[in-house]
Amino acid sequence: MLDSFTWFHGVMLLVAAGLEVAANIFLKLSRGFTRKLYGALSIALVFGAFACLYVAVQGIELSVAYAAWGALGILATALAGRALFGQRIRPAGWAGMGLLVIGLLLMKFA
């Protein structure tokens, strides 16, 4: 962790992950960009997610921030897909999400 880490950087990382998840939901709702408003919202949210990630990496090591952003985004997107679209997560999927968490912890504490 960088010496310049503050809670603000952690919050920005969480906001970046939240924006990524929202972008993925709108991407699904856009039905292959045939619904242009949802597609445009998805693209705008991706830009917002990267802007927040940029702020987060000012205080968090890039490797840890990117791994956390990716893992949080995958986990939350999978759970959102289940909750909003009824998409089933198979046991192998749950195992993969567990491995993501383990990998993230290894990145953080290595």
Foldseek 3Di string as FASTA:
>chain_A
DAPQDDVLLVVLLVLLLVLQLQLVVLVVVCVPVVNVVSPVSSVVSNVSSVVSLVSNCVRPPPVLSVLVSVLSNVVVNVVCCCVPVVDDQDPVNVVVNVVSVVVSVVVVPD
